[in-house]
Amino acid sequence: MNSERADAEDILKRGRLLAEQGGLAAAERGRLEPVAAAVRGGLGASRPPGLPLAARLPGRGHCRRAHPVPPRNRDRAPQRSRCVIACATIPVAKLILEYDGSAFAGWARQRGERTVEEEVERAVACISRERPALVVAGRTDRGVHALGQVVSFGTEGEPPAAKSLNAVLPRDVAVLSAGRAREGFDARRDAVSRTYCYRLLLSPTRSALRRGRALWWPRAIDEEALRACSEALRGTHDFTAFTPSETYHVRFAREVFGARWERDGDELCFRIEADSFMRRMNRILVGTMLEVAGGRRSLEDFERLLRGAHRREAGETAPAHGLYLTSVRYAAD
C-alpha cells in the first residue's frame, strides 16, 4: 500500500510539473503572437514593448533572430559617416626635399636600414606631434640623390615650417619648402611627370670633390651616339629590358616626354622626363647607352630593346651615385 501511495504521489508531482511547463509555454506563445504579427506586418508594424530576440516566422521551419538595433548602435552609424567626410577633407601639407642618397637604402622604409622616409617621418612627428603617413612622388633607390622630391601628408594642424624641420633633420636631408597644398593633393597620384638627371664626369683624372656626385668616365665616348640614343627614347616604349626581371611592376610601358644629353664643361648630364619610372630604369638606360657610345653596341640594337626584351639583353646598371631626381611636375604647375 505504501508503495502504491508513493507511486501515486510521484505521478501527481509529474503532472503538476507538466502543467506548469504547459502554462509557461502558453504564456510564451502569448508573447510571441504579437511578435509574429509585427513581422508579418513589415518593418512599419507596431511592436509591443519587451520584444523577444527570436520569433517563428510564417512558412518557415526554424526560428529567425530579429536583432533590434540598440539606440547607441543607431546613433553610431551617422557618426561614422561624419568621420568619413571629415577624413576626406583633412588639410594636406606639401614638402619639397633635397637629400644626399649616399648613406640611405633608398626612400622607402626598410627593416634594419636607414631610409629617407624614416628620417622625414621622425622629423614631422617631432615638430607636429603627429605621425602621418607620407606619400612620395618618386621612390628613389639606394644611393640615389634628390634635388626636388615632393612629399604630401594629411595634418590637422598647421604644416610644420621648413626651418623647424631642418633643425631636427640630419644634415644629408633638407626641406626646401613646406606649406599647405590644395585639398586632396597626393604627391604620387597627382604627378604628371618626373625628371631625372644622370651626371658623367669626363676627365682623365678623378675628382675628390665630385666623388659620390658624378660617375667618373675617363674613357673615350661618342657624344653623338649618346644624343642619337636619347632621341630614340621619346615616345611610348616597352622598357622591360631596363628593369630587373624580378620586379613588382606589372606595366612596363612608359611615356617619355623628353630625353637629351647636355654638355656642361667637363660633365655630361642625361636628362629624362617621363610619366613614371621603374626600378633602376634610368641607370640601366645610362649603362646601355654608354655601351653604344663606346662602340660595344649598335644604335639599332638599342632601339630594338625599346620594343621589349629580357633584362639580360640590355647593358650594365650604372652606379647610383650619378643619378638625381631633379623635379616633379603637376597639372596645376
C-alpha atoms as a PDB file:
ATOM      1  CA  MET A   1       0.000   0.000   0.000  1.00  0.00           C
ATOM      2  CA  ASN A   2       2.790   2.349   0.935  1.00  0.00           C
ATOM      3  CA  SER A   3       4.490   1.588  -2.386  1.00  0.00           C
ATOM      4  CA  GLU A   4       1.318   2.267  -4.356  1.00  0.00           C
ATOM      5  CA  ARG A   5       0.762   5.516  -2.424  1.00  0.00           C
ATOM      6  CA  ALA A   6       4.351   6.632  -3.247  1.00  0.00           C
ATOM      7  CA  ASP A   7       3.846   5.855  -6.914  1.00  0.00           C
ATOM      8  CA  ALA A   8       0.636   7.828  -6.953  1.00  0.00           C
ATOM      9  CA  GLU A   9       2.272  10.848  -5.307  1.00  0.00           C
ATOM     10  CA  ASP A  10       5.125  10.675  -7.841  1.00  0.00           C
ATOM     11  CA  ILE A  11       2.632  10.652 -10.730  1.00  0.00           C
ATOM     12  CA  LEU A  12       0.859  13.657  -9.248  1.00  0.00           C
ATOM     13  CA  LYS A  13       4.133  15.608  -8.930  1.00  0.00           C
ATOM     14  CA  ARG A  14       4.992  14.908 -12.547  1.00  0.00           C
ATOM     15  CA  GLY A  15       1.546  16.007 -13.650  1.00  0.00           C
ATOM     16  CA  ARG A  16       1.852  19.292 -11.759  1.00  0.00           C
ATOM     17  CA  LEU A  17       5.312  19.899 -13.348  1.00  0.00           C
ATOM     18  CA  LEU A  18       3.998  19.259 -16.862  1.00  0.00           C
ATOM     19  CA  ALA A  19       1.047  21.537 -16.183  1.00  0.00           C
ATOM     20  CA  GLU A  20       3.366  24.296 -15.020  1.00  0.00           C
ATOM     21  CA  GLN A  21       5.555  23.852 -18.089  1.00  0.00           C
ATOM     22  CA  GLY A  22       2.493  23.902 -20.319  1.00  0.00           C
ATOM     23  CA  GLY A  23       1.354  27.121 -18.722  1.00  0.00           C
ATOM     24  CA  LEU A  24       4.749  28.670 -19.273  1.00  0.00           C
ATOM     25  CA  ALA A  25       4.736  27.564 -22.905  1.00  0.00           C
ATOM     26  CA  ALA A  26       1.291  29.013 -23.364  1.00  0.00           C
ATOM     27  CA  ALA A  27       2.383  32.255 -21.797  1.00  0.00           C
ATOM     28  CA  GLU A  28       5.412  32.361 -24.082  1.00  0.00           C
ATOM     29  CA  ARG A  29       3.187  31.701 -27.095  1.00  0.00           C
ATOM     30  CA  GLY A  30       1.079  34.627 -25.962  1.00  0.00           C
ATOM     31  CA  ARG A  31       4.169  36.835 -26.050  1.00  0.00           C
ATOM     32  CA  LEU A  32       5.258  35.525 -29.450  1.00  0.00           C
ATOM     33  CA  GLU A  33       1.940  36.027 -31.238  1.00  0.00           C
ATOM     34  CA  PRO A  34       2.226  39.845 -31.356  1.00  0.00           C
ATOM     35  CA  VAL A  35       5.824  39.436 -32.482  1.00  0.00           C
ATOM     36  CA  ALA A  36       4.759  37.239 -35.403  1.00  0.00           C
ATOM     37  CA  ALA A  37       2.095  39.793 -36.274  1.00  0.00           C
ATOM     38  CA  ALA A  38       4.692  42.527 -36.281  1.00  0.00           C
ATOM     39  CA  VAL A  39       6.936  40.502 -38.604  1.00  0.00           C
ATOM     40  CA  ARG A  40       4.032  39.770 -40.969  1.00  0.00           C
ATOM     41  CA  GLY A  41       3.107  43.433 -40.972  1.00  0.00           C
ATOM     42  CA  GLY A  42       6.541  44.511 -42.134  1.00  0.00           C
ATOM     43  CA  LEU A  43       9.025  46.968 -40.697  1.00  0.00           C
ATOM     44  CA  GLY A  44       6.384  49.618 -40.222  1.00  0.00           C
ATOM     45  CA  ALA A  45       4.180  47.473 -37.970  1.00  0.00           C
ATOM     46  CA  SER A  46       3.974  48.365 -34.307  1.00  0.00           C
ATOM     47  CA  ARG A  47       5.911  46.215 -31.876  1.00  0.00           C
ATOM     48  CA  PRO A  48       4.936  45.670 -28.264  1.00  0.00           C
ATOM     49  CA  PRO A  49       7.391  46.521 -25.530  1.00  0.00           C
ATOM     50  CA  GLY A  50       9.622  43.704 -24.397  1.00  0.00           C
ATOM     51  CA  LEU A  51      10.200  42.324 -27.906  1.00  0.00           C
ATOM     52  CA  PRO A  52      11.897  38.911 -27.624  1.00  0.00           C
ATOM     53  CA  LEU A  53      15.087  38.216 -29.589  1.00  0.00           C
ATOM     54  CA  ALA A  54      13.574  35.323 -31.580  1.00  0.00           C
ATOM     55  CA  ALA A  55      10.264  34.755 -33.332  1.00  0.00           C
ATOM     56  CA  ARG A  56       8.945  31.945 -35.510  1.00  0.00           C
ATOM     57  CA  LEU A  57       8.329  33.301 -38.997  1.00  0.00           C
ATOM     58  CA  PRO A  58       5.374  32.165 -41.079  1.00  0.00           C
ATOM     59  CA  GLY A  59       6.099  29.445 -43.590  1.00  0.00           C
ATOM     60  CA  ARG A  60       9.479  28.625 -42.023  1.00  0.00           C
ATOM     61  CA  GLY A  61      10.513  25.602 -40.041  1.00  0.00           C
ATOM     62  CA  HIS A  62      13.098  27.430 -37.970  1.00  0.00           C
ATOM     63  CA  CYS A  63      13.410  30.487 -35.779  1.00  0.00           C
ATOM     64  CA  ARG A  64      14.978  33.571 -37.345  1.00  0.00           C
ATOM     65  CA  ARG A  65      16.572  36.072 -34.995  1.00  0.00           C
ATOM     66  CA  ALA A  66      15.257  39.598 -35.099  1.00  0.00           C
ATOM     67  CA  HIS A  67      18.009  41.806 -33.653  1.00  0.00           C
ATOM     68  CA  PRO A  68      16.700  45.227 -32.740  1.00  0.00           C
ATOM     69  CA  VAL A  69      19.486  47.800 -33.035  1.00  0.00           C
ATOM     70  CA  PRO A  70      20.130  49.359 -29.621  1.00  0.00           C
ATOM     71  CA  PRO A  71      19.867  53.143 -29.521  1.00  0.00           C
ATOM     72  CA  ARG A  72      23.648  53.520 -29.236  1.00  0.00           C
ATOM     73  CA  ASN A  73      24.150  51.468 -32.427  1.00  0.00           C
ATOM     74  CA  ARG A  74      21.581  53.529 -34.308  1.00  0.00           C
ATOM     75  CA  ASP A  75      23.442  56.657 -33.285  1.00  0.00           C
ATOM     76  CA  ARG A  76      26.827  55.238 -34.244  1.00  0.00           C
ATOM     77  CA  ALA A  77      26.213  54.985 -37.999  1.00  0.00           C
ATOM     78  CA  PRO A  78      25.767  58.737 -38.576  1.00  0.00           C
ATOM     79  CA  GLN A  79      28.905  59.373 -36.529  1.00  0.00           C
ATOM     80  CA  ARG A  80      30.926  57.106 -38.834  1.00  0.00           C
ATOM     81  CA  SER A  81      29.553  58.962 -41.858  1.00  0.00           C
ATOM     82  CA  ARG A  82      30.615  62.279 -40.371  1.00  0.00           C
ATOM     83  CA  CYS A  83      34.073  60.792 -39.680  1.00  0.00           C
ATOM     84  CA  VAL A  84      34.479  59.702 -43.292  1.00  0.00           C
ATOM     85  CA  ILE A  85      33.557  63.172 -44.506  1.00  0.00           C
ATOM     86  CA  ALA A  86      35.964  64.756 -42.043  1.00  0.00           C
ATOM     87  CA  CYS A  87      38.808  62.423 -43.022  1.00  0.00           C
ATOM     88  CA  ALA A  88      38.260  63.199 -46.688  1.00  0.00           C
ATOM     89  CA  THR A  89      38.760  66.894 -46.024  1.00  0.00           C
ATOM     90  CA  ILE A  90      41.811  66.713 -43.743  1.00  0.00           C
ATOM     91  CA  PRO A  91      44.211  69.510 -44.779  1.00  0.00           C
ATOM     92  CA  VAL A  92      47.259  68.339 -46.742  1.00  0.00           C
ATOM     93  CA  ALA A  93      50.817  69.541 -46.254  1.00  0.00           C
ATOM     94  CA  LYS A  94      53.404  69.542 -49.058  1.00  0.00           C
ATOM     95  CA  LEU A  95      57.167  69.343 -48.682  1.00  0.00           C
ATOM     96  CA  ILE A  96      59.900  69.695 -51.312  1.00  0.00           C
ATOM     97  CA  LEU A  97      63.044  67.846 -50.263  1.00  0.00           C
ATOM     98  CA  GLU A  98      66.675  67.685 -51.202  1.00  0.00           C
ATOM     99  CA  TYR A  99      68.849  64.825 -49.993  1.00  0.00           C
ATOM    100  CA  ASP A 100      72.165  63.109 -50.477  1.00  0.00           C
ATOM    101  CA  GLY A 101      71.296  59.459 -51.002  1.00  0.00           C
ATOM    102  CA  SER A 102      74.796  58.111 -50.335  1.00  0.00           C
ATOM    103  CA  ALA A 103      74.067  56.859 -46.810  1.00  0.00           C
ATOM    104  CA  PHE A 104      70.469  55.806 -47.425  1.00  0.00           C
ATOM    105  CA  ALA A 105      68.967  52.496 -48.516  1.00  0.00           C
ATOM    106  CA  GLY A 106      66.524  54.489 -50.647  1.00  0.00           C
ATOM    107  CA  TRP A 107      63.361  56.395 -49.868  1.00  0.00           C
ATOM    108  CA  ALA A 108      61.082  53.582 -48.661  1.00  0.00           C
ATOM    109  CA  ARG A 109      61.193  52.328 -45.088  1.00  0.00           C
ATOM    110  CA  GLN A 110      63.043  49.004 -44.721  1.00  0.00           C
ATOM    111  CA  ARG A 111      63.630  46.938 -41.624  1.00  0.00           C
ATOM    112  CA  GLY A 112      67.124  47.429 -40.261  1.00  0.00           C
ATOM    113  CA  GLU A 113      68.052  50.055 -42.887  1.00  0.00           C
ATOM    114  CA  ARG A 114      68.399  53.823 -42.795  1.00  0.00           C
ATOM    115  CA  THR A 115      65.892  55.388 -45.190  1.00  0.00           C
ATOM    116  CA  VAL A 116      64.836  58.907 -46.150  1.00  0.00           C
ATOM    117  CA  GLU A 117      61.184  58.173 -45.367  1.00  0.00           C
ATOM    118  CA  GLU A 118      62.008  57.222 -41.798  1.00  0.00           C
ATOM    119  CA  GLU A 119      64.086  60.361 -41.198  1.00  0.00           C
ATOM    120  CA  VAL A 120      61.411  62.692 -42.594  1.00  0.00           C
ATOM    121  CA  GLU A 121      58.642  60.906 -40.728  1.00  0.00           C
ATOM    122  CA  ARG A 122      60.556  61.232 -37.478  1.00  0.00           C
ATOM    123  CA  ALA A 123      61.136  64.959 -38.049  1.00  0.00           C
ATOM    124  CA  VAL A 124      57.460  65.624 -38.828  1.00  0.00           C
ATOM    125  CA  ALA A 125      56.409  63.719 -35.704  1.00  0.00           C
ATOM    126  CA  CYS A 126      58.879  65.699 -33.595  1.00  0.00           C
ATOM    127  CA  ILE A 127      57.576  69.080 -34.762  1.00  0.00           C
ATOM    128  CA  SER A 128      53.847  68.453 -35.268  1.00  0.00           C
ATOM    129  CA  ARG A 129      53.338  65.823 -32.526  1.00  0.00           C
ATOM    130  CA  GLU A 130      51.611  63.527 -35.021  1.00  0.00           C
ATOM    131  CA  ARG A 131      52.952  60.724 -37.196  1.00  0.00           C
ATOM    132  CA  PRO A 132      51.133  60.890 -40.534  1.00  0.00           C
ATOM    133  CA  ALA A 133      51.596  58.527 -43.463  1.00  0.00           C
ATOM    134  CA  LEU A 134      53.889  60.119 -46.047  1.00  0.00           C
ATOM    135  CA  VAL A 135      53.139  59.987 -49.778  1.00  0.00           C
ATOM    136  CA  VAL A 136      56.161  60.496 -52.055  1.00  0.00           C
ATOM    137  CA  ALA A 137      56.330  61.386 -55.745  1.00  0.00           C
ATOM    138  CA  GLY A 138      59.300  59.117 -56.573  1.00  0.00           C
ATOM    139  CA  ARG A 139      60.610  56.162 -54.584  1.00  0.00           C
ATOM    140  CA  THR A 140      64.326  56.626 -55.165  1.00  0.00           C
ATOM    141  CA  ASP A 141      66.634  53.590 -54.930  1.00  0.00           C
ATOM    142  CA  ARG A 142      69.605  53.076 -52.654  1.00  0.00           C
ATOM    143  CA  GLY A 143      72.271  55.749 -53.190  1.00  0.00           C
ATOM    144  CA  VAL A 144      70.145  57.942 -55.495  1.00  0.00           C
ATOM    145  CA  HIS A 145      70.030  61.674 -54.710  1.00  0.00           C
ATOM    146  CA  ALA A 146      67.152  64.155 -54.942  1.00  0.00           C
ATOM    147  CA  LEU A 147      67.039  67.856 -55.751  1.00  0.00           C
ATOM    148  CA  GLY A 148      63.245  68.245 -55.834  1.00  0.00           C
ATOM    149  CA  GLN A 149      61.495  65.312 -54.189  1.00  0.00           C
ATOM    150  CA  VAL A 150      57.835  66.016 -53.335  1.00  0.00           C
ATOM    151  CA  VAL A 151      56.078  64.627 -50.234  1.00  0.00           C
ATOM    152  CA  SER A 152      52.480  65.073 -49.063  1.00  0.00           C
ATOM    153  CA  PHE A 153      50.678  64.102 -45.860  1.00  0.00           C
ATOM    154  CA  GLY A 154      47.476  64.919 -44.013  1.00  0.00           C
ATOM    155  CA  THR A 155      47.707  67.071 -40.900  1.00  0.00           C
ATOM    156  CA  GLU A 156      45.059  68.539 -38.611  1.00  0.00           C
ATOM    157  CA  GLY A 157      47.221  71.485 -37.601  1.00  0.00           C
ATOM    158  CA  GLU A 158      49.386  73.915 -39.487  1.00  0.00           C
ATOM    159  CA  PRO A 159      52.088  72.355 -41.687  1.00  0.00           C
ATOM    160  CA  PRO A 160      55.471  72.260 -39.942  1.00  0.00           C
ATOM    161  CA  ALA A 161      57.776  75.045 -41.090  1.00  0.00           C
ATOM    162  CA  ALA A 162      60.798  74.202 -43.234  1.00  0.00           C
ATOM    163  CA  LYS A 163      63.099  75.895 -40.723  1.00  0.00           C
ATOM    164  CA  SER A 164      61.737  73.785 -37.861  1.00  0.00           C
ATOM    165  CA  LEU A 165      62.035  70.534 -39.812  1.00  0.00           C
ATOM    166  CA  ASN A 166      65.583  71.310 -40.901  1.00  0.00           C
ATOM    167  CA  ALA A 167      66.523  71.898 -37.269  1.00  0.00           C
ATOM    168  CA  VAL A 168      65.789  68.253 -36.422  1.00  0.00           C
ATOM    169  CA  LEU A 169      66.614  66.538 -39.732  1.00  0.00           C
ATOM    170  CA  PRO A 170      70.073  65.025 -40.325  1.00  0.00           C
ATOM    171  CA  ARG A 171      72.467  67.026 -42.467  1.00  0.00           C
ATOM    172  CA  ASP A 172      72.023  64.864 -45.562  1.00  0.00           C
ATOM    173  CA  VAL A 173      68.295  65.747 -45.801  1.00  0.00           C
ATOM    174  CA  ALA A 174      66.917  69.272 -46.207  1.00  0.00           C
ATOM    175  CA  VAL A 175      63.422  70.714 -46.650  1.00  0.00           C
ATOM    176  CA  LEU A 176      63.487  73.353 -49.382  1.00  0.00           C
ATOM    177  CA  SER A 177      59.879  74.437 -48.869  1.00  0.00           C
ATOM    178  CA  ALA A 178      56.893  73.472 -46.723  1.00  0.00           C
ATOM    179  CA  GLY A 179      53.311  74.643 -46.860  1.00  0.00           C
ATOM    180  CA  ARG A 180      49.662  73.852 -47.358  1.00  0.00           C
ATOM    181  CA  ALA A 181      48.656  72.035 -50.551  1.00  0.00           C
ATOM    182  CA  ARG A 182      45.289  72.124 -52.248  1.00  0.00           C
ATOM    183  CA  GLU A 183      42.543  69.903 -50.858  1.00  0.00           C
ATOM    184  CA  GLY A 184      43.040  66.221 -51.675  1.00  0.00           C
ATOM    185  CA  PHE A 185      46.555  66.697 -53.063  1.00  0.00           C
ATOM    186  CA  ASP A 186      48.518  63.445 -53.492  1.00  0.00           C
ATOM    187  CA  ALA A 187      52.216  63.758 -54.313  1.00  0.00           C
ATOM    188  CA  ARG A 188      52.349  60.474 -56.222  1.00  0.00           C
ATOM    189  CA  ARG A 189      48.954  60.126 -57.929  1.00  0.00           C
ATOM    190  CA  ASP A 190      48.693  63.756 -58.987  1.00  0.00           C
ATOM    191  CA  ALA A 191      52.157  63.849 -60.567  1.00  0.00           C
ATOM    192  CA  VAL A 192      52.115  64.286 -64.334  1.00  0.00           C
ATOM    193  CA  SER A 193      55.816  63.531 -64.797  1.00  0.00           C
ATOM    194  CA  ARG A 194      59.161  63.102 -63.037  1.00  0.00           C
ATOM    195  CA  THR A 195      62.528  64.325 -64.293  1.00  0.00           C
ATOM    196  CA  TYR A 196      65.868  62.675 -63.545  1.00  0.00           C
ATOM    197  CA  CYS A 197      69.424  63.648 -64.331  1.00  0.00           C
ATOM    198  CA  TYR A 198      72.477  61.378 -64.567  1.00  0.00           C
ATOM    199  CA  ARG A 199      75.883  63.095 -64.325  1.00  0.00           C
ATOM    200  CA  LEU A 200      79.062  61.899 -66.032  1.00  0.00           C
ATOM    201  CA  LEU A 201      82.473  63.379 -65.244  1.00  0.00           C
ATOM    202  CA  LEU A 202      84.581  63.257 -68.424  1.00  0.00           C
ATOM    203  CA  SER A 203      88.099  63.635 -67.123  1.00  0.00           C
ATOM    204  CA  PRO A 204      91.346  61.638 -67.327  1.00  0.00           C
ATOM    205  CA  THR A 205      91.759  62.121 -63.568  1.00  0.00           C
ATOM    206  CA  ARG A 206      89.245  61.576 -60.793  1.00  0.00           C
ATOM    207  CA  SER A 207      87.780  64.382 -58.714  1.00  0.00           C
ATOM    208  CA  ALA A 208      87.876  64.400 -54.925  1.00  0.00           C
ATOM    209  CA  LEU A 209      85.099  66.979 -54.632  1.00  0.00           C
ATOM    210  CA  ARG A 210      82.719  65.281 -57.059  1.00  0.00           C
ATOM    211  CA  ARG A 211      83.288  61.818 -55.652  1.00  0.00           C
ATOM    212  CA  GLY A 212      79.860  60.323 -54.973  1.00  0.00           C
ATOM    213  CA  ARG A 213      78.202  63.067 -57.039  1.00  0.00           C
ATOM    214  CA  ALA A 214      79.002  62.045 -60.634  1.00  0.00           C
ATOM    215  CA  LEU A 215      80.222  58.919 -62.421  1.00  0.00           C
ATOM    216  CA  TRP A 216      83.862  59.361 -63.377  1.00  0.00           C
ATOM    217  CA  TRP A 217      84.325  58.316 -67.029  1.00  0.00           C
ATOM    218  CA  PRO A 218      87.970  58.533 -68.194  1.00  0.00           C
ATOM    219  CA  ARG A 219      87.400  56.522 -71.389  1.00  0.00           C
ATOM    220  CA  ALA A 220      86.659  57.784 -74.889  1.00  0.00           C
ATOM    221  CA  ILE A 221      82.991  58.477 -75.556  1.00  0.00           C
ATOM    222  CA  ASP A 222      80.940  59.231 -78.682  1.00  0.00           C
ATOM    223  CA  GLU A 223      78.651  62.080 -77.678  1.00  0.00           C
ATOM    224  CA  GLU A 224      76.754  61.988 -80.967  1.00  0.00           C
ATOM    225  CA  ALA A 225      75.865  58.345 -80.345  1.00  0.00           C
ATOM    226  CA  LEU A 226      74.532  59.301 -76.906  1.00  0.00           C
ATOM    227  CA  ARG A 227      72.357  62.008 -78.419  1.00  0.00           C
ATOM    228  CA  ALA A 228      71.005  59.581 -81.028  1.00  0.00           C
ATOM    229  CA  CYS A 229      70.027  57.173 -78.236  1.00  0.00           C
ATOM    230  CA  SER A 230      68.238  59.924 -76.316  1.00  0.00           C
ATOM    231  CA  GLU A 231      66.242  60.901 -79.400  1.00  0.00           C
ATOM    232  CA  ALA A 232      65.095  57.292 -79.800  1.00  0.00           C
ATOM    233  CA  LEU A 233      63.701  57.343 -76.249  1.00  0.00           C
ATOM    234  CA  ARG A 234      60.986  59.910 -76.897  1.00  0.00           C
ATOM    235  CA  GLY A 235      57.507  58.482 -77.068  1.00  0.00           C
ATOM    236  CA  THR A 236      55.926  55.376 -75.528  1.00  0.00           C
ATOM    237  CA  HIS A 237      58.061  52.233 -75.343  1.00  0.00           C
ATOM    238  CA  ASP A 238      58.265  48.872 -73.617  1.00  0.00           C
ATOM    239  CA  PHE A 239      61.065  49.175 -71.031  1.00  0.00           C
ATOM    240  CA  THR A 240      61.020  45.546 -69.839  1.00  0.00           C
ATOM    241  CA  ALA A 241      64.729  45.204 -70.697  1.00  0.00           C
ATOM    242  CA  PHE A 242      65.565  48.170 -68.466  1.00  0.00           C
ATOM    243  CA  THR A 243      64.312  46.926 -65.111  1.00  0.00           C
ATOM    244  CA  PRO A 244      65.254  43.823 -63.067  1.00  0.00           C
ATOM    245  CA  SER A 245      63.457  40.680 -64.200  1.00  0.00           C
ATOM    246  CA  GLU A 246      62.349  40.036 -60.608  1.00  0.00           C
ATOM    247  CA  THR A 247      60.149  43.075 -60.091  1.00  0.00           C
ATOM    248  CA  TYR A 248      56.817  44.145 -58.630  1.00  0.00           C
ATOM    249  CA  HIS A 249      55.940  46.077 -61.803  1.00  0.00           C
ATOM    250  CA  VAL A 250      53.049  44.796 -63.920  1.00  0.00           C
ATOM    251  CA  ARG A 251      53.067  47.571 -66.545  1.00  0.00           C
ATOM    252  CA  PHE A 252      56.286  48.035 -68.489  1.00  0.00           C
ATOM    253  CA  ALA A 253      55.227  50.684 -70.999  1.00  0.00           C
ATOM    254  CA  ARG A 254      56.287  54.239 -70.145  1.00  0.00           C
ATOM    255  CA  GLU A 255      55.823  57.511 -71.997  1.00  0.00           C
ATOM    256  CA  VAL A 256      58.978  59.600 -72.298  1.00  0.00           C
ATOM    257  CA  PHE A 257      58.186  63.299 -72.805  1.00  0.00           C
ATOM    258  CA  GLY A 258      61.763  64.380 -73.303  1.00  0.00           C
ATOM    259  CA  ALA A 259      65.315  62.979 -73.185  1.00  0.00           C
ATOM    260  CA  ARG A 260      68.644  64.605 -74.010  1.00  0.00           C
ATOM    261  CA  TRP A 261      72.363  64.666 -73.201  1.00  0.00           C
ATOM    262  CA  GLU A 262      73.729  68.088 -72.211  1.00  0.00           C
ATOM    263  CA  ARG A 263      77.371  69.172 -72.066  1.00  0.00           C
ATOM    264  CA  ASP A 264      78.459  71.406 -69.170  1.00  0.00           C
ATOM    265  CA  GLY A 265      82.217  71.879 -69.021  1.00  0.00           C
ATOM    266  CA  ASP A 266      83.809  68.528 -68.247  1.00  0.00           C
ATOM    267  CA  GLU A 267      80.430  66.965 -67.399  1.00  0.00           C
ATOM    268  CA  LEU A 268      77.704  65.322 -69.439  1.00  0.00           C
ATOM    269  CA  CYS A 269      74.197  65.225 -67.980  1.00  0.00           C
ATOM    270  CA  PHE A 270      71.468  62.904 -69.225  1.00  0.00           C
ATOM    271  CA  ARG A 271      68.033  64.413 -68.540  1.00  0.00           C
ATOM    272  CA  ILE A 272      64.868  62.398 -68.992  1.00  0.00           C
ATOM    273  CA  GLU A 273      61.235  63.263 -68.232  1.00  0.00           C
ATOM    274  CA  ALA A 274      58.554  60.557 -68.250  1.00  0.00           C
ATOM    275  CA  ASP A 275      55.170  59.819 -66.733  1.00  0.00           C
ATOM    276  CA  SER A 276      56.812  57.391 -64.300  1.00  0.00           C
ATOM    277  CA  PHE A 277      59.880  55.196 -63.964  1.00  0.00           C
ATOM    278  CA  MET A 278      60.537  51.619 -62.983  1.00  0.00           C
ATOM    279  CA  ARG A 279      63.134  50.362 -60.553  1.00  0.00           C
ATOM    280  CA  ARG A 280      66.692  51.043 -61.832  1.00  0.00           C
ATOM    281  CA  MET A 281      65.281  52.043 -65.228  1.00  0.00           C
ATOM    282  CA  ASN A 282      67.368  55.204 -65.643  1.00  0.00           C
ATOM    283  CA  ARG A 283      70.590  53.575 -64.511  1.00  0.00           C
ATOM    284  CA  ILE A 284      70.195  50.646 -66.909  1.00  0.00           C
ATOM    285  CA  LEU A 285      69.381  53.077 -69.714  1.00  0.00           C
ATOM    286  CA  VAL A 286      72.587  55.011 -68.995  1.00  0.00           C
ATOM    287  CA  GLY A 287      74.664  51.836 -68.793  1.00  0.00           C
ATOM    288  CA  THR A 288      73.300  50.634 -72.131  1.00  0.00           C
ATOM    289  CA  MET A 289      73.780  53.987 -73.859  1.00  0.00           C
ATOM    290  CA  LEU A 290      77.396  54.085 -72.666  1.00  0.00           C
ATOM    291  CA  GLU A 291      77.912  50.766 -74.442  1.00  0.00           C
ATOM    292  CA  VAL A 292      76.604  52.367 -77.655  1.00  0.00           C
ATOM    293  CA  ALA A 293      78.850  55.405 -77.112  1.00  0.00           C
ATOM    294  CA  GLY A 294      81.827  53.111 -76.540  1.00  0.00           C
ATOM    295  CA  GLY A 295      81.288  51.118 -79.751  1.00  0.00           C
ATOM    296  CA  ARG A 296      80.251  47.913 -77.991  1.00  0.00           C
ATOM    297  CA  ARG A 297      76.611  48.074 -79.101  1.00  0.00           C
ATOM    298  CA  SER A 298      74.866  49.499 -82.149  1.00  0.00           C
ATOM    299  CA  LEU A 299      72.155  52.154 -82.135  1.00  0.00           C
ATOM    300  CA  GLU A 300      69.840  49.696 -83.913  1.00  0.00           C
ATOM    301  CA  ASP A 301      70.278  47.199 -81.095  1.00  0.00           C
ATOM    302  CA  PHE A 302      69.433  49.881 -78.547  1.00  0.00           C
ATOM    303  CA  GLU A 303      66.267  50.768 -80.471  1.00  0.00           C
ATOM    304  CA  ARG A 304      65.326  47.073 -80.611  1.00  0.00           C
ATOM    305  CA  LEU A 305      65.441  46.873 -76.817  1.00  0.00           C
ATOM    306  CA  LEU A 306      62.804  49.612 -76.625  1.00  0.00           C
ATOM    307  CA  ARG A 307      60.283  47.259 -78.214  1.00  0.00           C
ATOM    308  CA  GLY A 308      60.529  44.855 -75.278  1.00  0.00           C
ATOM    309  CA  ALA A 309      63.254  42.349 -74.417  1.00  0.00           C
ATOM    310  CA  HIS A 310      64.660  40.395 -71.485  1.00  0.00           C
ATOM    311  CA  ARG A 311      66.769  42.217 -68.925  1.00  0.00           C
ATOM    312  CA  ARG A 312      69.893  40.195 -69.817  1.00  0.00           C
ATOM    313  CA  GLU A 313      69.911  41.708 -73.335  1.00  0.00           C
ATOM    314  CA  ALA A 314      70.451  45.266 -72.058  1.00  0.00           C
ATOM    315  CA  GLY A 315      73.640  46.759 -70.652  1.00  0.00           C
ATOM    316  CA  GLU A 316      75.021  47.022 -67.147  1.00  0.00           C
ATOM    317  CA  THR A 317      73.406  49.112 -64.430  1.00  0.00           C
ATOM    318  CA  ALA A 318      75.218  52.427 -63.963  1.00  0.00           C
ATOM    319  CA  PRO A 319      76.203  53.268 -60.348  1.00  0.00           C
ATOM    320  CA  ALA A 320      73.557  55.001 -58.262  1.00  0.00           C
ATOM    321  CA  HIS A 321      75.650  57.984 -57.126  1.00  0.00           C
ATOM    322  CA  GLY A 322      75.364  59.750 -60.506  1.00  0.00           C
ATOM    323  CA  LEU A 323      71.538  59.817 -60.511  1.00  0.00           C
ATOM    324  CA  TYR A 324      69.329  62.660 -59.219  1.00  0.00           C
ATOM    325  CA  LEU A 325      65.561  63.127 -59.053  1.00  0.00           C
ATOM    326  CA  THR A 326      65.507  66.779 -60.103  1.00  0.00           C
ATOM    327  CA  SER A 327      61.823  67.728 -60.232  1.00  0.00           C
ATOM    328  CA  VAL A 328      58.204  66.564 -60.302  1.00  0.00           C
ATOM    329  CA  ARG A 329      55.582  68.210 -62.500  1.00  0.00           C
ATOM    330  CA  TYR A 330      51.879  68.561 -61.675  1.00  0.00           C
ATOM    331  CA  ALA A 331      48.927  69.610 -63.820  1.00  0.00           C
ATOM    332  CA  ALA A 332      48.496  72.833 -61.854  1.00  0.00           C
ATOM    333  CA  ASP A 333      52.165  73.823 -62.301  1.00  0.00           C
END
